[in-house]
Amino acid sequence: MAEPKTEIGVRFKAPQSLYDRIGGEKGVRALVEAFYDIVEHDRPGEILHLLHLRGHGLEHARLEQFRFLSGFLGGPRLYVERYGHSDVRKMHEHVEITPHARDTWLECMTIAIDRVGFAPEVKSELIRYFTRVATVLVNKAQ
């Protein structure tokens, strides 16, 4: 594929999406599986496990998080194709999310990122995006 040119003929390369940088579908699946394995089996995920048991359960959450993250990270917009939106507040309106739950989610996701083995600069970018979104989802004081 030819690289695009500017008016003065300088070539540039479009930045690669985060989705592609983590390995596309395979990378997103690995991240989601690592995250929910932590939620289901490891001590840091206990509070999140209980929250998911009050909702649709972990298997449902694994599938929906994969769909959401695919589009969120710049890949196929699977969640939007299925539900017509990717409004994370709407997705989580049935869940009471405290600052502690947010911090626990971020801790588990950080562990998952480390387990999957993404490059440090990718980890940093993922955590920055996830922190921004997780903070918006807090809907209940401690």
C-alpha atoms as a PDB file:
ATOM      1  CA  MET A   1       0.000   0.000   0.000  1.00  0.00           C
ATOM      2  CA  ALA A   2       1.430   3.384  -0.976  1.00  0.00           C
ATOM      3  CA  GLU A   3       2.049   5.858   1.805  1.00  0.00           C
ATOM      4  CA  PRO A   4       0.008   9.079   1.608  1.00  0.00           C
ATOM      5  CA  LYS A   5       1.845  12.248   0.552  1.00  0.00           C
ATOM      6  CA  THR A   6       1.398  15.802   1.750  1.00  0.00           C
ATOM      7  CA  GLU A   7       1.223  18.756  -0.637  1.00  0.00           C
ATOM      8  CA  ILE A   8       4.993  19.146  -0.544  1.00  0.00           C
ATOM      9  CA  GLY A   9       5.636  15.479  -1.258  1.00  0.00           C
ATOM     10  CA  VAL A  10       6.775  14.419   2.204  1.00  0.00           C
ATOM     11  CA  ARG A  11       5.694  10.902   3.029  1.00  0.00           C
ATOM     12  CA  PHE A  12       4.092  10.095   6.351  1.00  0.00           C
ATOM     13  CA  LYS A  13       2.711   6.997   7.923  1.00  0.00           C
ATOM     14  CA  ALA A  14      -0.660   6.990   9.650  1.00  0.00           C
ATOM     15  CA  PRO A  15      -0.328   6.053  13.312  1.00  0.00           C
ATOM     16  CA  GLN A  16      -1.132   2.436  14.070  1.00  0.00           C
ATOM     17  CA  SER A  17      -4.205   1.939  16.266  1.00  0.00           C
ATOM     18  CA  LEU A  18      -3.790   0.656  19.789  1.00  0.00           C
ATOM     19  CA  TYR A  19      -5.897  -2.318  18.684  1.00  0.00           C
ATOM     20  CA  ASP A  20      -3.244  -3.218  16.111  1.00  0.00           C
ATOM     21  CA  ARG A  21      -0.374  -2.481  18.493  1.00  0.00           C
ATOM     22  CA  ILE A  22      -1.661  -5.034  21.016  1.00  0.00           C
ATOM     23  CA  GLY A  23      -2.130  -7.698  18.363  1.00  0.00           C
ATOM     24  CA  GLY A  24      -5.670  -7.084  17.123  1.00  0.00           C
ATOM     25  CA  GLU A  25      -8.392  -9.548  18.028  1.00  0.00           C
ATOM     26  CA  LYS A  26      -5.914 -11.982  19.594  1.00  0.00           C
ATOM     27  CA  GLY A  27      -4.458  -9.280  21.856  1.00  0.00           C
ATOM     28  CA  VAL A  28      -7.859  -7.992  22.956  1.00  0.00           C
ATOM     29  CA  ARG A  29      -9.045 -11.537  23.711  1.00  0.00           C
ATOM     30  CA  ALA A  30      -5.885 -12.249  25.705  1.00  0.00           C
ATOM     31  CA  LEU A  31      -6.338  -9.058  27.735  1.00  0.00           C
ATOM     32  CA  VAL A  32     -10.017  -9.715  28.458  1.00  0.00           C
ATOM     33  CA  GLU A  33      -9.370 -13.339  29.426  1.00  0.00           C
ATOM     34  CA  ALA A  34      -6.463 -12.380  31.708  1.00  0.00           C
ATOM     35  CA  PHE A  35      -8.556  -9.647  33.327  1.00  0.00           C
ATOM     36  CA  TYR A  36     -11.576 -11.844  34.012  1.00  0.00           C
ATOM     37  CA  ASP A  37      -9.392 -14.730  35.208  1.00  0.00           C
ATOM     38  CA  ILE A  38      -8.037 -12.308  37.823  1.00  0.00           C
ATOM     39  CA  VAL A  39     -11.557 -11.151  38.710  1.00  0.00           C
ATOM     40  CA  GLU A  40     -12.740 -14.734  39.012  1.00  0.00           C
ATOM     41  CA  HIS A  41      -9.793 -16.369  40.779  1.00  0.00           C
ATOM     42  CA  ASP A  42      -7.425 -13.841  42.373  1.00  0.00           C
ATOM     43  CA  ARG A  43      -7.781 -11.887  45.593  1.00  0.00           C
ATOM     44  CA  PRO A  44      -7.583  -8.412  43.998  1.00  0.00           C
ATOM     45  CA  GLY A  45     -10.657  -9.211  41.900  1.00  0.00           C
ATOM     46  CA  GLU A  46     -12.993 -10.335  44.695  1.00  0.00           C
ATOM     47  CA  ILE A  47     -15.062  -7.139  44.854  1.00  0.00           C
ATOM     48  CA  LEU A  48     -15.461  -7.099  41.066  1.00  0.00           C
ATOM     49  CA  HIS A  49     -16.449 -10.758  41.058  1.00  0.00           C
ATOM     50  CA  LEU A  50     -19.252  -9.989  43.513  1.00  0.00           C
ATOM     51  CA  LEU A  51     -20.428  -7.043  41.389  1.00  0.00           C
ATOM     52  CA  HIS A  52     -20.565  -9.270  38.304  1.00  0.00           C
ATOM     53  CA  LEU A  53     -22.506 -11.958  40.151  1.00  0.00           C
ATOM     54  CA  ARG A  54     -25.216  -9.344  40.826  1.00  0.00           C
ATOM     55  CA  GLY A  55     -25.375  -8.589  37.108  1.00  0.00           C
ATOM     56  CA  HIS A  56     -25.268 -10.835  34.058  1.00  0.00           C
ATOM     57  CA  GLY A  57     -22.285 -12.870  35.230  1.00  0.00           C
ATOM     58  CA  LEU A  58     -18.688 -13.205  34.146  1.00  0.00           C
ATOM     59  CA  GLU A  59     -19.195 -15.006  30.848  1.00  0.00           C
ATOM     60  CA  HIS A  60     -21.477 -12.239  29.660  1.00  0.00           C
ATOM     61  CA  ALA A  61     -18.967  -9.635  30.871  1.00  0.00           C
ATOM     62  CA  ARG A  62     -16.070 -11.356  29.058  1.00  0.00           C
ATOM     63  CA  LEU A  63     -17.953 -11.235  25.766  1.00  0.00           C
ATOM     64  CA  GLU A  64     -19.203  -7.670  26.135  1.00  0.00           C
ATOM     65  CA  GLN A  65     -15.832  -6.322  27.273  1.00  0.00           C
ATOM     66  CA  PHE A  66     -14.204  -7.951  24.247  1.00  0.00           C
ATOM     67  CA  ARG A  67     -16.777  -6.320  21.971  1.00  0.00           C
ATOM     68  CA  PHE A  68     -16.384  -2.933  23.624  1.00  0.00           C
ATOM     69  CA  LEU A  69     -12.587  -2.926  23.801  1.00  0.00           C
ATOM     70  CA  SER A  70     -12.270  -3.932  20.162  1.00  0.00           C
ATOM     71  CA  GLY A  71     -13.861  -0.652  19.094  1.00  0.00           C
ATOM     72  CA  PHE A  72     -12.509   1.422  21.975  1.00  0.00           C
ATOM     73  CA  LEU A  73      -8.957   0.528  20.994  1.00  0.00           C
ATOM     74  CA  GLY A  74      -9.466   1.300  17.312  1.00  0.00           C
ATOM     75  CA  GLY A  75     -10.552  -2.040  15.878  1.00  0.00           C
ATOM     76  CA  PRO A  76     -13.933  -3.343  14.750  1.00  0.00           C
ATOM     77  CA  ARG A  77     -16.798  -1.587  16.524  1.00  0.00           C
ATOM     78  CA  LEU A  78     -18.460  -4.822  17.599  1.00  0.00           C
ATOM     79  CA  TYR A  79     -20.330  -3.373  20.569  1.00  0.00           C
ATOM     80  CA  VAL A  80     -21.740  -0.506  18.506  1.00  0.00           C
ATOM     81  CA  GLU A  81     -22.761  -2.886  15.724  1.00  0.00           C
ATOM     82  CA  ARG A  82     -24.719  -4.967  18.233  1.00  0.00           C
ATOM     83  CA  TYR A  83     -26.159  -2.283  20.518  1.00  0.00           C
ATOM     84  CA  GLY A  84     -26.013   0.932  18.483  1.00  0.00           C
ATOM     85  CA  HIS A  85     -23.857   2.829  20.992  1.00  0.00           C
ATOM     86  CA  SER A  86     -20.707   2.567  23.068  1.00  0.00           C
ATOM     87  CA  ASP A  87     -21.815   4.768  25.967  1.00  0.00           C
ATOM     88  CA  VAL A  88     -19.995   3.306  28.955  1.00  0.00           C
ATOM     89  CA  ARG A  89     -22.170   5.198  31.423  1.00  0.00           C
ATOM     90  CA  LYS A  90     -25.277   3.643  29.927  1.00  0.00           C
ATOM     91  CA  MET A  91     -23.633   0.202  29.974  1.00  0.00           C
ATOM     92  CA  HIS A  92     -22.909   0.501  33.689  1.00  0.00           C
ATOM     93  CA  GLU A  93     -25.930   2.458  34.948  1.00  0.00           C
ATOM     94  CA  HIS A  94     -27.241  -0.641  36.781  1.00  0.00           C
ATOM     95  CA  VAL A  95     -24.000  -0.991  38.779  1.00  0.00           C
ATOM     96  CA  GLU A  96     -22.982   1.076  41.804  1.00  0.00           C
ATOM     97  CA  ILE A  97     -19.370   2.032  41.143  1.00  0.00           C
ATOM     98  CA  THR A  98     -17.443   3.557  44.026  1.00  0.00           C
ATOM     99  CA  PRO A  99     -13.949   5.040  43.844  1.00  0.00           C
ATOM    100  CA  HIS A 100     -12.748   1.831  45.521  1.00  0.00           C
ATOM    101  CA  ALA A 101     -14.358  -0.339  42.826  1.00  0.00           C
ATOM    102  CA  ARG A 102     -12.780   1.889  40.157  1.00  0.00           C
ATOM    103  CA  ASP A 103      -9.356   1.535  41.743  1.00  0.00           C
ATOM    104  CA  THR A 104      -9.806  -2.227  42.059  1.00  0.00           C
ATOM    105  CA  TRP A 105     -10.799  -2.471  38.391  1.00  0.00           C
ATOM    106  CA  LEU A 106      -7.692  -0.512  37.404  1.00  0.00           C
ATOM    107  CA  GLU A 107      -5.490  -2.680  39.640  1.00  0.00           C
ATOM    108  CA  CYS A 108      -6.855  -5.865  38.060  1.00  0.00           C
ATOM    109  CA  MET A 109      -6.467  -4.450  34.556  1.00  0.00           C
ATOM    110  CA  THR A 110      -2.877  -3.441  35.304  1.00  0.00           C
ATOM    111  CA  ILE A 111      -2.133  -6.982  36.473  1.00  0.00           C
ATOM    112  CA  ALA A 112      -3.812  -8.356  33.326  1.00  0.00           C
ATOM    113  CA  ILE A 113      -1.756  -6.067  31.075  1.00  0.00           C
ATOM    114  CA  ASP A 114       1.414  -7.262  32.809  1.00  0.00           C
ATOM    115  CA  ARG A 115       0.392 -10.915  32.460  1.00  0.00           C
ATOM    116  CA  VAL A 116      -0.268 -10.524  28.752  1.00  0.00           C
ATOM    117  CA  GLY A 117       3.104  -8.813  28.399  1.00  0.00           C
ATOM    118  CA  PHE A 118       2.379  -5.652  26.430  1.00  0.00           C
ATOM    119  CA  ALA A 119       5.262  -3.231  25.853  1.00  0.00           C
ATOM    120  CA  PRO A 120       5.713  -0.553  28.561  1.00  0.00           C
ATOM    121  CA  GLU A 121       4.619   2.301  26.264  1.00  0.00           C
ATOM    122  CA  VAL A 122       1.472   0.361  25.299  1.00  0.00           C
ATOM    123  CA  LYS A 123       0.764  -0.399  28.961  1.00  0.00           C
ATOM    124  CA  SER A 124       1.112   3.283  29.808  1.00  0.00           C
ATOM    125  CA  GLU A 125      -1.285   4.309  27.047  1.00  0.00           C
ATOM    126  CA  LEU A 126      -3.832   1.634  27.979  1.00  0.00           C
ATOM    127  CA  ILE A 127      -3.763   2.620  31.657  1.00  0.00           C
ATOM    128  CA  ARG A 128      -4.168   6.293  30.759  1.00  0.00           C
ATOM    129  CA  TYR A 129      -7.279   5.553  28.643  1.00  0.00           C
ATOM    130  CA  PHE A 130      -8.722   3.089  31.148  1.00  0.00           C
ATOM    131  CA  THR A 131      -8.201   5.494  34.058  1.00  0.00           C
ATOM    132  CA  ARG A 132     -10.044   8.257  32.234  1.00  0.00           C
ATOM    133  CA  VAL A 133     -13.025   6.014  31.463  1.00  0.00           C
ATOM    134  CA  ALA A 134     -13.100   4.317  34.878  1.00  0.00           C
ATOM    135  CA  THR A 135     -13.156   7.701  36.607  1.00  0.00           C
ATOM    136  CA  VAL A 136     -16.183   8.786  34.555  1.00  0.00           C
ATOM    137  CA  LEU A 137     -18.027   5.637  35.674  1.00  0.00           C
ATOM    138  CA  VAL A 138     -17.874   6.375  39.405  1.00  0.00           C
ATOM    139  CA  ASN A 139     -21.494   6.965  40.385  1.00  0.00           C
ATOM    140  CA  LYS A 140     -21.505   6.421  44.148  1.00  0.00           C
ATOM    141  CA  ALA A 141     -19.405   7.781  46.996  1.00  0.00           C
ATOM    142  CA  GLN A 142     -17.588   5.304  49.224  1.00  0.00           C
END
